[in-house]
Amino acid sequence: MREILKVSAITFLSVFIPITLWNAGHLHFAQSCDPKFGCLGVFELLTLVTAICAMITSFSLSVARYVFVGHPKARLTHQEIILVMACCAALSIASGSAIRLAEAIGISLLVAGWALFSFLVGAAIFKLSDKYNHALHRTSR
């Protein structure tokens, strides 16, 4: 259970922090504020959407780890941590377009698609990492 919580925390922070910093910088330097909400209102809305995307990604990657690793007590390797952080940083960039995607395809479809895509990313991470660890373990004998 502790390793699942570690995956969740790493995932959430890896998605949330980069795009939030980007949004803050963009609003500060570009001054692209909405006249209705103002700069702070736009930042709060973007932060809320980013937090929701990060929670969905965190849950999906935790489920993928449980499904593909199998043992909740299996230690999280350094390679898995690096892969999760890198892939989540890429997902973070995509979460910046979540509002436009929600307008285009609808919120429920966006949430389902985001969860599925995040799960598939997690499946790729943990399946590849598992194969790599098994191959490494076989060659070290």
C-alpha atoms as a PDB file:
ATOM      1  CA  MET A   1       0.000   0.000   0.000  1.00  0.00           C
ATOM      2  CA  ARG A   2       2.883   2.334   0.789  1.00  0.00           C
ATOM      3  CA  GLU A   3       4.349   1.921  -2.706  1.00  0.00           C
ATOM      4  CA  ILE A   4       0.970   2.670  -4.320  1.00  0.00           C
ATOM      5  CA  LEU A   5       0.771   5.883  -2.279  1.00  0.00           C
ATOM      6  CA  LYS A   6       4.315   6.733  -3.375  1.00  0.00           C
ATOM      7  CA  VAL A   7       3.339   6.243  -7.031  1.00  0.00           C
ATOM      8  CA  SER A   8       0.251   8.406  -6.481  1.00  0.00           C
ATOM      9  CA  ALA A   9       2.213  11.226  -4.872  1.00  0.00           C
ATOM     10  CA  ILE A  10       4.972  11.198  -7.495  1.00  0.00           C
ATOM     11  CA  THR A  11       2.399  11.116 -10.285  1.00  0.00           C
ATOM     12  CA  PHE A  12       0.255  13.902  -8.856  1.00  0.00           C
ATOM     13  CA  LEU A  13       3.203  16.217  -8.275  1.00  0.00           C
ATOM     14  CA  SER A  14       4.803  15.409 -11.647  1.00  0.00           C
ATOM     15  CA  VAL A  15       1.610  16.367 -13.459  1.00  0.00           C
ATOM     16  CA  PHE A  16       0.556  19.280 -11.254  1.00  0.00           C
ATOM     17  CA  ILE A  17       3.741  21.272 -10.692  1.00  0.00           C
ATOM     18  CA  PRO A  18       5.063  21.795 -14.267  1.00  0.00           C
ATOM     19  CA  ILE A  19       1.817  23.018 -15.837  1.00  0.00           C
ATOM     20  CA  THR A  20       0.938  25.139 -12.799  1.00  0.00           C
ATOM     21  CA  LEU A  21       4.291  26.885 -12.998  1.00  0.00           C
ATOM     22  CA  TRP A  22       3.801  27.328 -16.748  1.00  0.00           C
ATOM     23  CA  ASN A  23       0.322  28.814 -16.216  1.00  0.00           C
ATOM     24  CA  ALA A  24       1.598  31.180 -13.527  1.00  0.00           C
ATOM     25  CA  GLY A  25       4.465  32.355 -15.724  1.00  0.00           C
ATOM     26  CA  HIS A  26       2.247  32.727 -18.769  1.00  0.00           C
ATOM     27  CA  LEU A  27      -0.336  34.770 -16.892  1.00  0.00           C
ATOM     28  CA  HIS A  28       2.327  36.914 -15.260  1.00  0.00           C
ATOM     29  CA  PHE A  29       4.408  37.671 -18.329  1.00  0.00           C
ATOM     30  CA  ALA A  30       1.824  37.535 -21.116  1.00  0.00           C
ATOM     31  CA  GLN A  31      -0.935  39.209 -19.080  1.00  0.00           C
ATOM     32  CA  SER A  32      -3.496  37.111 -20.951  1.00  0.00           C
ATOM     33  CA  CYS A  33      -6.261  37.638 -18.434  1.00  0.00           C
ATOM     34  CA  ASP A  34      -9.964  37.151 -18.982  1.00  0.00           C
ATOM     35  CA  PRO A  35     -11.945  40.365 -18.451  1.00  0.00           C
ATOM     36  CA  LYS A  36     -14.692  38.474 -16.609  1.00  0.00           C
ATOM     37  CA  PHE A  37     -12.504  36.455 -14.188  1.00  0.00           C
ATOM     38  CA  GLY A  38      -9.318  38.500 -14.073  1.00  0.00           C
ATOM     39  CA  CYS A  39      -5.822  37.070 -13.865  1.00  0.00           C
ATOM     40  CA  LEU A  40      -6.314  35.392 -10.498  1.00  0.00           C
ATOM     41  CA  GLY A  41      -9.615  33.840 -11.532  1.00  0.00           C
ATOM     42  CA  VAL A  42      -8.078  32.396 -14.690  1.00  0.00           C
ATOM     43  CA  PHE A  43      -5.152  31.008 -12.698  1.00  0.00           C
ATOM     44  CA  GLU A  44      -7.513  29.432 -10.138  1.00  0.00           C
ATOM     45  CA  LEU A  45      -9.606  27.825 -12.878  1.00  0.00           C
ATOM     46  CA  LEU A  46      -6.543  26.471 -14.668  1.00  0.00           C
ATOM     47  CA  THR A  47      -5.147  25.174 -11.364  1.00  0.00           C
ATOM     48  CA  LEU A  48      -8.436  23.420 -10.560  1.00  0.00           C
ATOM     49  CA  VAL A  49      -8.525  21.716 -13.959  1.00  0.00           C
ATOM     50  CA  THR A  50      -4.866  20.728 -13.613  1.00  0.00           C
ATOM     51  CA  ALA A  51      -5.508  19.274 -10.150  1.00  0.00           C
ATOM     52  CA  ILE A  52      -8.410  17.199 -11.478  1.00  0.00           C
ATOM     53  CA  CYS A  53      -6.276  15.912 -14.369  1.00  0.00           C
ATOM     54  CA  ALA A  54      -3.453  15.119 -11.926  1.00  0.00           C
ATOM     55  CA  MET A  55      -5.813  13.182  -9.628  1.00  0.00           C
ATOM     56  CA  ILE A  56      -7.190  11.152 -12.530  1.00  0.00           C
ATOM     57  CA  THR A  57      -3.667  10.396 -13.743  1.00  0.00           C
ATOM     58  CA  SER A  58      -2.541   9.507 -10.229  1.00  0.00           C
ATOM     59  CA  PHE A  59      -5.409   7.060  -9.762  1.00  0.00           C
ATOM     60  CA  SER A  60      -4.953   5.522 -13.217  1.00  0.00           C
ATOM     61  CA  LEU A  61      -1.218   4.967 -12.792  1.00  0.00           C
ATOM     62  CA  SER A  62      -1.769   3.463  -9.345  1.00  0.00           C
ATOM     63  CA  VAL A  63      -4.282   1.015 -10.805  1.00  0.00           C
ATOM     64  CA  ALA A  64      -1.901   0.213 -13.668  1.00  0.00           C
ATOM     65  CA  ARG A  65       0.904  -0.486 -11.195  1.00  0.00           C
ATOM     66  CA  TYR A  66      -1.319  -2.747  -9.148  1.00  0.00           C
ATOM     67  CA  VAL A  67      -2.503  -4.613 -12.265  1.00  0.00           C
ATOM     68  CA  PHE A  68       0.902  -5.044 -13.920  1.00  0.00           C
ATOM     69  CA  VAL A  69       3.189  -5.404 -10.925  1.00  0.00           C
ATOM     70  CA  GLY A  70       0.687  -7.419  -8.907  1.00  0.00           C
ATOM     71  CA  HIS A  71       2.218  -7.062  -5.485  1.00  0.00           C
ATOM     72  CA  PRO A  72       1.256  -3.881  -3.630  1.00  0.00           C
ATOM     73  CA  LYS A  73       4.397  -4.223  -1.483  1.00  0.00           C
ATOM     74  CA  ALA A  74       6.762  -4.547  -4.469  1.00  0.00           C
ATOM     75  CA  ARG A  75       9.423  -1.863  -4.205  1.00  0.00           C
ATOM     76  CA  LEU A  76       9.305   1.023  -6.639  1.00  0.00           C
ATOM     77  CA  THR A  77      12.540   1.017  -8.641  1.00  0.00           C
ATOM     78  CA  HIS A  78      14.525   4.112  -9.582  1.00  0.00           C
ATOM     79  CA  GLN A  79      13.850   3.362 -13.226  1.00  0.00           C
ATOM     80  CA  GLU A  80      10.089   3.332 -12.587  1.00  0.00           C
ATOM     81  CA  ILE A  81      10.310   6.623 -10.699  1.00  0.00           C
ATOM     82  CA  ILE A  82      12.187   8.282 -13.567  1.00  0.00           C
ATOM     83  CA  LEU A  83       9.776   6.892 -16.180  1.00  0.00           C
ATOM     84  CA  VAL A  84       6.738   7.992 -14.166  1.00  0.00           C
ATOM     85  CA  MET A  85       8.125  11.495 -13.706  1.00  0.00           C
ATOM     86  CA  ALA A  86       9.037  11.868 -17.384  1.00  0.00           C
ATOM     87  CA  CYS A  87       5.726  10.556 -18.696  1.00  0.00           C
ATOM     88  CA  CYS A  88       3.751  12.604 -16.190  1.00  0.00           C
ATOM     89  CA  ALA A  89       5.611  15.749 -17.202  1.00  0.00           C
ATOM     90  CA  ALA A  90       4.504  15.048 -20.775  1.00  0.00           C
ATOM     91  CA  LEU A  91       0.928  14.469 -19.578  1.00  0.00           C
ATOM     92  CA  SER A  92       1.196  17.743 -17.702  1.00  0.00           C
ATOM     93  CA  ILE A  93       1.694  19.568 -20.975  1.00  0.00           C
ATOM     94  CA  ALA A  94      -1.408  17.888 -22.372  1.00  0.00           C
ATOM     95  CA  SER A  95      -3.447  18.917 -19.327  1.00  0.00           C
ATOM     96  CA  GLY A  96      -2.906  22.522 -20.359  1.00  0.00           C
ATOM     97  CA  SER A  97      -5.317  21.835 -23.235  1.00  0.00           C
ATOM     98  CA  ALA A  98      -7.942  20.159 -21.053  1.00  0.00           C
ATOM     99  CA  ILE A  99     -10.363  23.099 -21.081  1.00  0.00           C
ATOM    100  CA  ARG A 100     -10.321  23.315 -24.875  1.00  0.00           C
ATOM    101  CA  LEU A 101     -10.711  19.534 -25.127  1.00  0.00           C
ATOM    102  CA  ALA A 102     -13.654  19.583 -22.708  1.00  0.00           C
ATOM    103  CA  GLU A 103     -15.349  22.238 -24.830  1.00  0.00           C
ATOM    104  CA  ALA A 104     -14.806  20.173 -27.966  1.00  0.00           C
ATOM    105  CA  ILE A 105     -15.692  16.644 -26.800  1.00  0.00           C
ATOM    106  CA  GLY A 106     -17.523  17.090 -23.495  1.00  0.00           C
ATOM    107  CA  ILE A 107     -16.426  16.689 -19.911  1.00  0.00           C
ATOM    108  CA  SER A 108     -17.447  13.060 -19.371  1.00  0.00           C
ATOM    109  CA  LEU A 109     -15.700  11.892 -22.534  1.00  0.00           C
ATOM    110  CA  LEU A 110     -12.610  13.895 -21.592  1.00  0.00           C
ATOM    111  CA  VAL A 111     -12.477  12.340 -18.100  1.00  0.00           C
ATOM    112  CA  ALA A 112     -12.944   8.816 -19.476  1.00  0.00           C
ATOM    113  CA  GLY A 113     -10.378   9.377 -22.228  1.00  0.00           C
ATOM    114  CA  TRP A 114      -7.906  10.957 -19.818  1.00  0.00           C
ATOM    115  CA  ALA A 115      -8.236   8.040 -17.393  1.00  0.00           C
ATOM    116  CA  LEU A 116      -7.837   5.485 -20.196  1.00  0.00           C
ATOM    117  CA  PHE A 117      -4.835   7.245 -21.704  1.00  0.00           C
ATOM    118  CA  SER A 118      -3.197   7.605 -18.282  1.00  0.00           C
ATOM    119  CA  PHE A 119      -3.811   3.917 -17.573  1.00  0.00           C
ATOM    120  CA  LEU A 120      -2.230   2.953 -20.899  1.00  0.00           C
ATOM    121  CA  VAL A 121       0.802   5.134 -20.137  1.00  0.00           C
ATOM    122  CA  GLY A 122       1.080   3.464 -16.724  1.00  0.00           C
ATOM    123  CA  ALA A 123       0.684   0.036 -18.296  1.00  0.00           C
ATOM    124  CA  ALA A 124       3.516   0.778 -20.706  1.00  0.00           C
ATOM    125  CA  ILE A 125       5.745   2.073 -17.904  1.00  0.00           C
ATOM    126  CA  PHE A 126       5.234  -0.833 -15.531  1.00  0.00           C
ATOM    127  CA  LYS A 127       5.153  -3.554 -18.196  1.00  0.00           C
ATOM    128  CA  LEU A 128       8.384  -2.323 -19.801  1.00  0.00           C
ATOM    129  CA  SER A 129      10.020  -1.860 -16.426  1.00  0.00           C
ATOM    130  CA  ASP A 130       8.962  -5.352 -15.380  1.00  0.00           C
ATOM    131  CA  LYS A 131      10.395  -6.874 -18.584  1.00  0.00           C
ATOM    132  CA  TYR A 132      13.616  -4.912 -18.124  1.00  0.00           C
ATOM    133  CA  ASN A 133      13.959  -6.037 -14.507  1.00  0.00           C
ATOM    134  CA  HIS A 134      13.348  -9.692 -15.437  1.00  0.00           C
ATOM    135  CA  ALA A 135      15.880  -9.529 -18.280  1.00  0.00           C
ATOM    136  CA  LEU A 136      18.419  -7.845 -16.025  1.00  0.00           C
ATOM    137  CA  HIS A 137      17.816 -10.408 -13.298  1.00  0.00           C
ATOM    138  CA  ARG A 138      18.297 -13.314 -15.778  1.00  0.00           C
ATOM    139  CA  THR A 139      21.574 -11.946 -17.156  1.00  0.00           C
ATOM    140  CA  SER A 140      23.038 -11.349 -13.690  1.00  0.00           C
ATOM    141  CA  ARG A 141      22.842 -15.034 -12.790  1.00  0.00           C
END
